[in-house]
PDB file of N, CA and C in Angstrom:
ATOM      1  N   MET A   1     -40.917 -32.455 145.068  1.00  0.00           N
ATOM      2  CA  MET A   1     -41.327 -31.951 143.945  1.00  0.00           C
ATOM      3  C   MET A   1     -41.663 -30.414 144.533  1.00  0.00           C
ATOM      4  N   SER A   2     -41.293 -29.306 143.913  1.00  0.00           N
ATOM      5  CA  SER A   2     -41.736 -28.066 144.502  1.00  0.00           C
ATOM      6  C   SER A   2     -43.016 -27.717 143.814  1.00  0.00           C
ATOM      7  N   HIS A   3     -43.654 -26.650 144.523  1.00  0.00           N
ATOM      8  CA  HIS A   3     -44.773 -25.957 143.742  1.00  0.00           C
ATOM      9  C   HIS A   3     -44.611 -25.858 142.308  1.00  0.00           C
ATOM     10  N   LEU A   4     -43.321 -25.077 141.929  1.00  0.00           N
ATOM     11  CA  LEU A   4     -43.256 -24.671 140.639  1.00  0.00           C
ATOM     12  C   LEU A   4     -43.238 -25.816 139.697  1.00  0.00           C
ATOM     13  N   ASP A   5     -42.621 -26.960 140.042  1.00  0.00           N
ATOM     14  CA  ASP A   5     -42.589 -28.131 139.222  1.00  0.00           C
ATOM     15  C   ASP A   5     -43.906 -28.605 139.034  1.00  0.00           C
ATOM     16  N   ALA A   6     -44.799 -28.540 139.923  1.00  0.00           N
ATOM     17  CA  ALA A   6     -46.246 -29.257 139.689  1.00  0.00           C
ATOM     18  C   ALA A   6     -46.969 -28.166 138.692  1.00  0.00           C
ATOM     19  N   THR A   7     -46.658 -26.864 138.546  1.00  0.00           N
ATOM     20  CA  THR A   7     -47.456 -26.065 137.613  1.00  0.00           C
ATOM     21  C   THR A   7     -46.797 -26.052 136.278  1.00  0.00           C
ATOM     22  N   ARG A   8     -45.659 -26.549 136.070  1.00  0.00           N
ATOM     23  CA  ARG A   8     -44.921 -26.504 134.808  1.00  0.00           C
ATOM     24  C   ARG A   8     -45.680 -27.430 133.863  1.00  0.00           C
ATOM     25  N   PRO A   9     -45.871 -26.851 132.658  1.00  0.00           N
ATOM     26  CA  PRO A   9     -46.605 -27.845 131.644  1.00  0.00           C
ATOM     27  C   PRO A   9     -45.590 -28.889 131.343  1.00  0.00           C
ATOM     28  N   ALA A  10     -46.166 -30.052 130.927  1.00  0.00           N
ATOM     29  CA  ALA A  10     -45.372 -31.306 130.407  1.00  0.00           C
ATOM     30  C   ALA A  10     -44.918 -30.878 129.093  1.00  0.00           C
ATOM     31  N   PRO A  11     -43.723 -31.376 128.867  1.00  0.00           N
ATOM     32  CA  PRO A  11     -43.040 -31.229 127.617  1.00  0.00           C
ATOM     33  C   PRO A  11     -43.796 -31.779 126.285  1.00  0.00           C
ATOM     34  N   ALA A  12     -44.127 -30.921 125.318  1.00  0.00           N
ATOM     35  CA  ALA A  12     -44.747 -31.429 124.109  1.00  0.00           C
ATOM     36  C   ALA A  12     -44.128 -32.530 123.486  1.00  0.00           C
ATOM     37  N   ARG A  13     -44.636 -33.612 123.132  1.00  0.00           N
ATOM     38  CA  ARG A  13     -44.207 -34.578 122.382  1.00  0.00           C
ATOM     39  C   ARG A  13     -43.685 -34.221 120.998  1.00  0.00           C
ATOM     40  N   LEU A  14     -42.506 -34.723 120.666  1.00  0.00           N
ATOM     41  CA  LEU A  14     -41.773 -34.235 119.233  1.00  0.00           C
ATOM     42  C   LEU A  14     -42.693 -34.787 118.194  1.00  0.00           C
ATOM     43  N   PRO A  15     -42.697 -34.018 117.029  1.00  0.00           N
ATOM     44  CA  PRO A  15     -43.632 -34.346 116.046  1.00  0.00           C
ATOM     45  C   PRO A  15     -42.933 -35.611 115.222  1.00  0.00           C
ATOM     46  N   LEU A  16     -43.568 -36.454 114.653  1.00  0.00           N
ATOM     47  CA  LEU A  16     -42.840 -37.548 113.829  1.00  0.00           C
ATOM     48  C   LEU A  16     -42.114 -36.898 112.701  1.00  0.00           C
ATOM     49  N   ALA A  17     -41.029 -37.548 112.416  1.00  0.00           N
ATOM     50  CA  ALA A  17     -40.285 -37.046 111.071  1.00  0.00           C
ATOM     51  C   ALA A  17     -39.728 -38.429 110.659  1.00  0.00           C
ATOM     52  N   PHE A  18     -39.472 -38.573 109.118  1.00  0.00           N
ATOM     53  CA  PHE A  18     -38.998 -39.679 108.563  1.00  0.00           C
ATOM     54  C   PHE A  18     -38.073 -39.473 107.722  1.00  0.00           C
ATOM     55  N   LEU A  19     -36.999 -40.442 107.546  1.00  0.00           N
ATOM     56  CA  LEU A  19     -35.952 -40.198 106.579  1.00  0.00           C
ATOM     57  C   LEU A  19     -36.427 -41.524 105.503  1.00  0.00           C
ATOM     58  N   VAL A  20     -36.240 -41.352 104.257  1.00  0.00           N
ATOM     59  CA  VAL A  20     -36.732 -42.331 103.296  1.00  0.00           C
ATOM     60  C   VAL A  20     -35.295 -42.476 102.462  1.00  0.00           C
ATOM     61  N   GLY A  21     -35.070 -43.852 102.254  1.00  0.00           N
ATOM     62  CA  GLY A  21     -33.758 -44.153 101.583  1.00  0.00           C
ATOM     63  C   GLY A  21     -33.668 -45.588 101.365  1.00  0.00           C
ATOM     64  N   GLN A  22     -32.618 -46.117 100.886  1.00  0.00           N
ATOM     65  CA  GLN A  22     -32.247 -47.544 100.600  1.00  0.00           C
ATOM     66  C   GLN A  22     -31.218 -48.021 101.691  1.00  0.00           C
ATOM     67  N   SER A  23     -31.473 -49.131 102.027  1.00  0.00           N
ATOM     68  CA  SER A  23     -30.464 -49.925 102.788  1.00  0.00           C
ATOM     69  C   SER A  23     -29.146 -50.290 101.789  1.00  0.00           C
ATOM     70  N   PRO A  24     -28.088 -50.785 102.480  1.00  0.00           N
ATOM     71  CA  PRO A  24     -26.971 -51.277 101.719  1.00  0.00           C
ATOM     72  C   PRO A  24     -27.326 -52.362 100.677  1.00  0.00           C
ATOM     73  N   GLU A  25     -28.496 -53.090 101.037  1.00  0.00           N
ATOM     74  CA  GLU A  25     -28.853 -54.303 100.322  1.00  0.00           C
ATOM     75  C   GLU A  25     -29.829 -53.946  99.224  1.00  0.00           C
ATOM     76  N   GLY A  26     -30.165 -52.639  99.139  1.00  0.00           N
ATOM     77  CA  GLY A  26     -31.113 -52.242  98.111  1.00  0.00           C
ATOM     78  C   GLY A  26     -32.589 -52.100  98.513  1.00  0.00           C
ATOM     79  N   HIS A  27     -33.080 -52.444  99.692  1.00  0.00           N
ATOM     80  CA  HIS A  27     -34.578 -52.305 100.262  1.00  0.00           C
ATOM     81  C   HIS A  27     -34.814 -50.730 100.470  1.00  0.00           C
ATOM     82  N   TRP A  28     -36.130 -50.398 100.320  1.00  0.00           N
ATOM     83  CA  TRP A  28     -36.428 -49.132 100.532  1.00  0.00           C
ATOM     84  C   TRP A  28     -36.883 -49.131 102.048  1.00  0.00           C
ATOM     85  N   LEU A  29     -36.299 -47.912 102.668  1.00  0.00           N
ATOM     86  CA  LEU A  29     -36.770 -47.981 104.047  1.00  0.00           C
ATOM     87  C   LEU A  29     -37.359 -46.517 104.454  1.00  0.00           C
ATOM     88  N   ALA A  30     -38.329 -46.704 105.426  1.00  0.00           N
ATOM     89  CA  ALA A  30     -38.944 -45.253 105.995  1.00  0.00           C
ATOM     90  C   ALA A  30     -38.386 -45.428 107.399  1.00  0.00           C
ATOM     91  N   VAL A  31     -37.500 -44.582 107.933  1.00  0.00           N
ATOM     92  CA  VAL A  31     -36.948 -44.695 109.278  1.00  0.00           C
ATOM     93  C   VAL A  31     -37.420 -43.503 110.091  1.00  0.00           C
ATOM     94  N   GLU A  32     -38.121 -43.648 111.071  1.00  0.00           N
ATOM     95  CA  GLU A  32     -38.654 -42.512 111.963  1.00  0.00           C
ATOM     96  C   GLU A  32     -37.240 -41.832 112.771  1.00  0.00           C
ATOM     97  N   THR A  33     -37.217 -40.581 112.670  1.00  0.00           N
ATOM     98  CA  THR A  33     -35.985 -39.911 113.118  1.00  0.00           C
ATOM     99  C   THR A  33     -35.390 -40.161 114.523  1.00  0.00           C
ATOM    100  N   HIS A  34     -36.650 -40.256 115.419  1.00  0.00           N
ATOM    101  CA  HIS A  34     -36.402 -40.535 116.810  1.00  0.00           C
ATOM    102  C   HIS A  34     -36.309 -41.898 117.309  1.00  0.00           C
ATOM    103  N   GLY A  35     -36.201 -42.745 116.254  1.00  0.00           N
ATOM    104  CA  GLY A  35     -35.921 -44.270 116.576  1.00  0.00           C
ATOM    105  C   GLY A  35     -37.196 -44.939 116.977  1.00  0.00           C
ATOM    106  N   LEU A  36     -38.324 -44.285 116.728  1.00  0.00           N
ATOM    107  CA  LEU A  36     -39.517 -44.965 117.187  1.00  0.00           C
ATOM    108  C   LEU A  36     -40.236 -45.941 116.396  1.00  0.00           C
ATOM    109  N   GLY A  37     -39.908 -45.987 115.093  1.00  0.00           N
ATOM    110  CA  GLY A  37     -40.766 -46.895 114.140  1.00  0.00           C
ATOM    111  C   GLY A  37     -40.086 -46.681 112.675  1.00  0.00           C
ATOM    112  N   GLY A  38     -40.587 -47.411 111.825  1.00  0.00           N
ATOM    113  CA  GLY A  38     -40.444 -47.341 110.498  1.00  0.00           C
ATOM    114  C   GLY A  38     -40.579 -48.655 109.705  1.00  0.00           C
ATOM    115  N   GLY A  39     -40.172 -48.926 108.634  1.00  0.00           N
ATOM    116  CA  GLY A  39     -40.601 -50.125 107.820  1.00  0.00           C
ATOM    117  C   GLY A  39     -39.745 -50.336 106.645  1.00  0.00           C
ATOM    118  N   ILE A  40     -40.048 -51.368 106.061  1.00  0.00           N
ATOM    119  CA  ILE A  40     -39.226 -51.877 104.886  1.00  0.00           C
ATOM    120  C   ILE A  40     -40.350 -51.998 103.744  1.00  0.00           C
ATOM    121  N   PHE A  41     -39.768 -51.417 102.531  1.00  0.00           N
ATOM    122  CA  PHE A  41     -40.890 -51.309 101.600  1.00  0.00           C
ATOM    123  C   PHE A  41     -40.314 -51.679 100.178  1.00  0.00           C
ATOM    124  N   ARG A  42     -41.315 -52.084  99.217  1.00  0.00           N
ATOM    125  CA  ARG A  42     -40.802 -52.669  98.070  1.00  0.00           C
ATOM    126  C   ARG A  42     -40.474 -51.513  96.959  1.00  0.00           C
ATOM    127  N   THR A  43     -40.994 -50.229  97.129  1.00  0.00           N
ATOM    128  CA  THR A  43     -40.523 -49.195  96.370  1.00  0.00           C
ATOM    129  C   THR A  43     -40.483 -47.894  97.142  1.00  0.00           C
ATOM    130  N   CYS A  44     -39.615 -47.064  96.520  1.00  0.00           N
ATOM    131  CA  CYS A  44     -39.463 -45.543  97.142  1.00  0.00           C
ATOM    132  C   CYS A  44     -40.896 -44.938  97.353  1.00  0.00           C
ATOM    133  N   ARG A  45     -41.857 -45.238  96.335  1.00  0.00           N
ATOM    134  CA  ARG A  45     -43.272 -44.515  96.396  1.00  0.00           C
ATOM    135  C   ARG A  45     -43.806 -45.080  97.631  1.00  0.00           C
ATOM    136  N   ASP A  46     -43.918 -46.387  97.873  1.00  0.00           N
ATOM    137  CA  ASP A  46     -44.533 -47.146  98.979  1.00  0.00           C
ATOM    138  C   ASP A  46     -43.881 -46.506 100.449  1.00  0.00           C
ATOM    139  N   ALA A  47     -42.542 -46.337 100.361  1.00  0.00           N
ATOM    140  CA  ALA A  47     -41.930 -45.750 101.650  1.00  0.00           C
ATOM    141  C   ALA A  47     -42.450 -44.319 101.923  1.00  0.00           C
ATOM    142  N   LEU A  48     -42.362 -43.549 100.780  1.00  0.00           N
ATOM    143  CA  LEU A  48     -42.771 -42.275 100.982  1.00  0.00           C
ATOM    144  C   LEU A  48     -44.293 -41.917 101.272  1.00  0.00           C
ATOM    145  N   HIS A  49     -45.193 -42.949 100.710  1.00  0.00           N
ATOM    146  CA  HIS A  49     -46.603 -42.939 101.050  1.00  0.00           C
ATOM    147  C   HIS A  49     -46.717 -43.276 102.525  1.00  0.00           C
ATOM    148  N   TYR A  50     -46.221 -44.302 103.186  1.00  0.00           N
ATOM    149  CA  TYR A  50     -46.279 -44.483 104.409  1.00  0.00           C
ATOM    150  C   TYR A  50     -45.714 -43.429 105.342  1.00  0.00           C
ATOM    151  N   ALA A  51     -44.562 -42.961 105.108  1.00  0.00           N
ATOM    152  CA  ALA A  51     -44.007 -41.862 105.968  1.00  0.00           C
ATOM    153  C   ALA A  51     -45.064 -40.561 105.968  1.00  0.00           C
ATOM    154  N   ALA A  52     -45.447 -40.222 104.603  1.00  0.00           N
ATOM    155  CA  ALA A  52     -46.411 -39.176 104.708  1.00  0.00           C
ATOM    156  C   ALA A  52     -47.622 -39.409 105.512  1.00  0.00           C
ATOM    157  N   GLY A  53     -48.167 -40.473 105.459  1.00  0.00           N
ATOM    158  CA  GLY A  53     -49.326 -40.762 106.263  1.00  0.00           C
ATOM    159  C   GLY A  53     -49.050 -40.843 107.900  1.00  0.00           C
ATOM    160  N   GLU A  54     -47.961 -41.329 108.154  1.00  0.00           N
ATOM    161  CA  GLU A  54     -47.685 -41.188 109.474  1.00  0.00           C
ATOM    162  C   GLU A  54     -47.378 -39.917 110.150  1.00  0.00           C
ATOM    163  N   THR A  55     -47.123 -38.920 109.237  1.00  0.00           N
ATOM    164  CA  THR A  55     -46.827 -37.600 109.637  1.00  0.00           C
ATOM    165  C   THR A  55     -47.872 -36.483 109.496  1.00  0.00           C
ATOM    166  N   GLY A  56     -48.999 -37.140 109.026  1.00  0.00           N
ATOM    167  CA  GLY A  56     -50.020 -36.304 108.734  1.00  0.00           C
ATOM    168  C   GLY A  56     -49.720 -35.430 107.385  1.00  0.00           C
ATOM    169  N   ARG A  57     -48.929 -35.834 106.667  1.00  0.00           N
ATOM    170  CA  ARG A  57     -48.465 -35.069 105.341  1.00  0.00           C
ATOM    171  C   ARG A  57     -48.011 -33.742 105.749  1.00  0.00           C
ATOM    172  N   ARG A  58     -47.218 -33.468 106.898  1.00  0.00           N
ATOM    173  CA  ARG A  58     -46.806 -32.024 107.350  1.00  0.00           C
ATOM    174  C   ARG A  58     -45.628 -31.838 106.347  1.00  0.00           C
ATOM    175  N   PRO A  59     -45.735 -30.484 105.951  1.00  0.00           N
ATOM    176  CA  PRO A  59     -44.399 -30.094 104.943  1.00  0.00           C
ATOM    177  C   PRO A  59     -43.082 -30.326 105.719  1.00  0.00           C
ATOM    178  N   ASP A  60     -42.108 -30.741 105.203  1.00  0.00           N
ATOM    179  CA  ASP A  60     -40.876 -31.022 105.590  1.00  0.00           C
ATOM    180  C   ASP A  60     -40.656 -32.070 106.743  1.00  0.00           C
ATOM    181  N   ALA A  61     -41.702 -33.022 107.006  1.00  0.00           N
ATOM    182  CA  ALA A  61     -41.665 -34.034 107.821  1.00  0.00           C
ATOM    183  C   ALA A  61     -41.117 -35.352 107.283  1.00  0.00           C
ATOM    184  N   VAL A  62     -40.884 -35.340 105.873  1.00  0.00           N
ATOM    185  CA  VAL A  62     -40.473 -36.640 105.377  1.00  0.00           C
ATOM    186  C   VAL A  62     -39.167 -36.036 104.379  1.00  0.00           C
ATOM    187  N   ARG A  63     -37.896 -36.656 104.504  1.00  0.00           N
ATOM    188  CA  ARG A  63     -36.877 -36.302 103.728  1.00  0.00           C
ATOM    189  C   ARG A  63     -36.165 -37.501 103.246  1.00  0.00           C
ATOM    190  N   LEU A  64     -35.535 -37.415 102.055  1.00  0.00           N
ATOM    191  CA  LEU A  64     -34.938 -38.475 101.329  1.00  0.00           C
ATOM    192  C   LEU A  64     -33.442 -38.422 101.909  1.00  0.00           C
ATOM    193  N   ALA A  65     -32.919 -39.537 102.224  1.00  0.00           N
ATOM    194  CA  ALA A  65     -31.706 -39.784 102.691  1.00  0.00           C
ATOM    195  C   ALA A  65     -30.427 -39.646 101.621  1.00  0.00           C
ATOM    196  N   SER A  66     -29.278 -39.063 102.134  1.00  0.00           N
ATOM    197  CA  SER A  66     -28.326 -38.964 101.222  1.00  0.00           C
ATOM    198  C   SER A  66     -27.424 -40.021 101.291  1.00  0.00           C
ATOM    199  N   ALA A  67     -27.496 -40.915 102.179  1.00  0.00           N
ATOM    200  CA  ALA A  67     -26.619 -41.939 102.541  1.00  0.00           C
ATOM    201  C   ALA A  67     -27.448 -43.301 102.896  1.00  0.00           C
ATOM    202  N   PRO A  68     -26.815 -44.402 102.766  1.00  0.00           N
ATOM    203  CA  PRO A  68     -27.646 -45.698 103.039  1.00  0.00           C
ATOM    204  C   PRO A  68     -28.231 -45.680 104.414  1.00  0.00           C
ATOM    205  N   LEU A  69     -29.505 -46.157 104.733  1.00  0.00           N
ATOM    206  CA  LEU A  69     -30.028 -46.310 105.895  1.00  0.00           C
ATOM    207  C   LEU A  69     -30.141 -47.600 106.423  1.00  0.00           C
ATOM    208  N   SER A  70     -30.424 -47.819 107.694  1.00  0.00           N
ATOM    209  CA  SER A  70     -30.613 -48.958 108.370  1.00  0.00           C
ATOM    210  C   SER A  70     -31.670 -48.997 109.225  1.00  0.00           C
ATOM    211  N   LEU A  71     -32.337 -50.083 109.463  1.00  0.00           N
ATOM    212  CA  LEU A  71     -33.643 -50.100 110.436  1.00  0.00           C
ATOM    213  C   LEU A  71     -33.161 -51.308 111.361  1.00  0.00           C
ATOM    214  N   ALA A  72     -33.128 -50.703 112.920  1.00  0.00           N
ATOM    215  CA  ALA A  72     -33.048 -51.620 113.935  1.00  0.00           C
ATOM    216  C   ALA A  72     -34.053 -52.322 114.265  1.00  0.00           C
ATOM    217  N   LEU A  73     -34.068 -53.589 114.248  1.00  0.00           N
ATOM    218  CA  LEU A  73     -35.209 -54.413 114.657  1.00  0.00           C
ATOM    219  C   LEU A  73     -34.823 -54.899 116.136  1.00  0.00           C
ATOM    220  N   VAL A  74     -35.917 -54.552 116.818  1.00  0.00           N
ATOM    221  CA  VAL A  74     -35.815 -54.914 118.433  1.00  0.00           C
ATOM    222  C   VAL A  74     -36.909 -55.812 118.714  1.00  0.00           C
ATOM    223  N   ARG A  75     -36.644 -56.523 119.910  1.00  0.00           N
ATOM    224  CA  ARG A  75     -37.726 -57.326 120.409  1.00  0.00           C
ATOM    225  C   ARG A  75     -38.402 -56.757 121.619  1.00  0.00           C
TER     226      ARG A  75
END
């Protein structure tokens, strides 16, 4: 590692953003756009509430999906 690499600031963590929409089965989903998280919800309102809370209610951090969404469950 060169001296220049050691003084370079670490990259900022990307801010959270969510897509909210329905799965092909009709469940409401909030899916983090970087693939880091999300959830399944009973209503659109519940999904929006979760996503807004996770993003600190930042403007433009939560969008409604125009196509069906899926949520990958990993172990």
